[in-house]
């Protein structure tokens, strides 16, 4: 299910500006609906967080398999 910015920063315990920075640098997957509307797959972001906390870079999901 896609959620908005407020749900993301509340669930992940980060600031709204942190979410925006990560989107801007391309680090967090998101969906743009129109010019100003962003939506996120919360499960996808949480799994990304698990990979980072385990010390696995995003690219390791494909490399070496």
C-alpha atoms as a PDB file:
ATOM      1  CA  UNK A   1       0.000   0.000   0.000  1.00  0.00           C
ATOM      2  CA  UNK A   2       1.310   3.444  -0.885  1.00  0.00           C
ATOM      3  CA  UNK A   3       1.475   6.026   1.898  1.00  0.00           C
ATOM      4  CA  UNK A   4       2.220   9.736   2.068  1.00  0.00           C
ATOM      5  CA  UNK A   5       5.201  11.589   3.512  1.00  0.00           C
ATOM      6  CA  UNK A   6       3.672  12.032   6.969  1.00  0.00           C
ATOM      7  CA  UNK A   7       3.158   8.304   7.446  1.00  0.00           C
ATOM      8  CA  UNK A   8       6.742   7.601   6.349  1.00  0.00           C
ATOM      9  CA  UNK A   9       8.452   9.998   8.736  1.00  0.00           C
ATOM     10  CA  UNK A  10       6.152   9.032  11.603  1.00  0.00           C
ATOM     11  CA  UNK A  11       6.646   5.290  11.120  1.00  0.00           C
ATOM     12  CA  UNK A  12      10.405   5.516  10.557  1.00  0.00           C
ATOM     13  CA  UNK A  13      11.042   8.090  13.270  1.00  0.00           C
ATOM     14  CA  UNK A  14      12.826  10.589  11.042  1.00  0.00           C
ATOM     15  CA  UNK A  15      12.169  14.198  10.130  1.00  0.00           C
ATOM     16  CA  UNK A  16      10.214  15.249   7.031  1.00  0.00           C
ATOM     17  CA  UNK A  17      13.345  16.992   5.755  1.00  0.00           C
ATOM     18  CA  UNK A  18      15.333  13.761   6.070  1.00  0.00           C
ATOM     19  CA  UNK A  19      12.796  11.957   3.879  1.00  0.00           C
ATOM     20  CA  UNK A  20      12.921  14.762   1.302  1.00  0.00           C
ATOM     21  CA  UNK A  21      16.738  14.701   1.251  1.00  0.00           C
ATOM     22  CA  UNK A  22      16.824  10.943   0.705  1.00  0.00           C
ATOM     23  CA  UNK A  23      14.301  11.237  -2.130  1.00  0.00           C
ATOM     24  CA  UNK A  24      16.247  14.084  -3.726  1.00  0.00           C
ATOM     25  CA  UNK A  25      19.507  12.139  -3.718  1.00  0.00           C
ATOM     26  CA  UNK A  26      17.727   9.078  -5.110  1.00  0.00           C
ATOM     27  CA  UNK A  27      18.375   6.840  -2.116  1.00  0.00           C
ATOM     28  CA  UNK A  28      14.748   6.058  -1.242  1.00  0.00           C
ATOM     29  CA  UNK A  29      12.288   4.506  -3.678  1.00  0.00           C
ATOM     30  CA  UNK A  30       9.185   6.585  -4.227  1.00  0.00           C
ATOM     31  CA  UNK A  31       6.372   7.208  -6.661  1.00  0.00           C
ATOM     32  CA  UNK A  32       5.606  10.660  -7.992  1.00  0.00           C
ATOM     33  CA  UNK A  33       1.936  11.325  -8.658  1.00  0.00           C
ATOM     34  CA  UNK A  34       1.824  14.660 -10.363  1.00  0.00           C
ATOM     35  CA  UNK A  35       4.276  17.433  -9.768  1.00  0.00           C
ATOM     36  CA  UNK A  36       4.200  17.702  -5.993  1.00  0.00           C
ATOM     37  CA  UNK A  37       2.677  14.476  -4.708  1.00  0.00           C
ATOM     38  CA  UNK A  38       4.968  11.715  -3.460  1.00  0.00           C
ATOM     39  CA  UNK A  39       3.902   8.280  -2.305  1.00  0.00           C
ATOM     40  CA  UNK A  40       5.996   5.555  -0.731  1.00  0.00           C
ATOM     41  CA  UNK A  41       5.742   1.811  -0.258  1.00  0.00           C
ATOM     42  CA  UNK A  42       6.381   1.596   3.493  1.00  0.00           C
ATOM     43  CA  UNK A  43       7.299  -2.101   3.394  1.00  0.00           C
ATOM     44  CA  UNK A  44       9.882  -1.391   0.692  1.00  0.00           C
ATOM     45  CA  UNK A  45      11.444   1.394   2.781  1.00  0.00           C
ATOM     46  CA  UNK A  46      11.531  -0.781   5.890  1.00  0.00           C
ATOM     47  CA  UNK A  47      13.254  -3.604   4.021  1.00  0.00           C
ATOM     48  CA  UNK A  48      15.769  -1.094   2.655  1.00  0.00           C
ATOM     49  CA  UNK A  49      16.430  -0.004   6.238  1.00  0.00           C
ATOM     50  CA  UNK A  50      17.066  -3.605   7.256  1.00  0.00           C
ATOM     51  CA  UNK A  51      19.629  -3.999   4.471  1.00  0.00           C
ATOM     52  CA  UNK A  52      21.417  -0.838   5.564  1.00  0.00           C
ATOM     53  CA  UNK A  53      21.390  -1.820   9.255  1.00  0.00           C
ATOM     54  CA  UNK A  54      22.822  -5.238   8.366  1.00  0.00           C
ATOM     55  CA  UNK A  55      25.649  -3.523   6.501  1.00  0.00           C
ATOM     56  CA  UNK A  56      24.580  -4.710   3.059  1.00  0.00           C
ATOM     57  CA  UNK A  57      24.704  -2.050   0.355  1.00  0.00           C
ATOM     58  CA  UNK A  58      21.681  -1.815  -1.943  1.00  0.00           C
ATOM     59  CA  UNK A  59      23.666  -3.144  -4.885  1.00  0.00           C
ATOM     60  CA  UNK A  60      24.550  -6.358  -3.029  1.00  0.00           C
ATOM     61  CA  UNK A  61      21.001  -7.595  -3.619  1.00  0.00           C
ATOM     62  CA  UNK A  62      21.947  -8.268  -7.240  1.00  0.00           C
ATOM     63  CA  UNK A  63      25.714  -8.636  -7.186  1.00  0.00           C
ATOM     64  CA  UNK A  64      27.157 -11.985  -6.214  1.00  0.00           C
ATOM     65  CA  UNK A  65      23.924 -13.925  -6.625  1.00  0.00           C
END
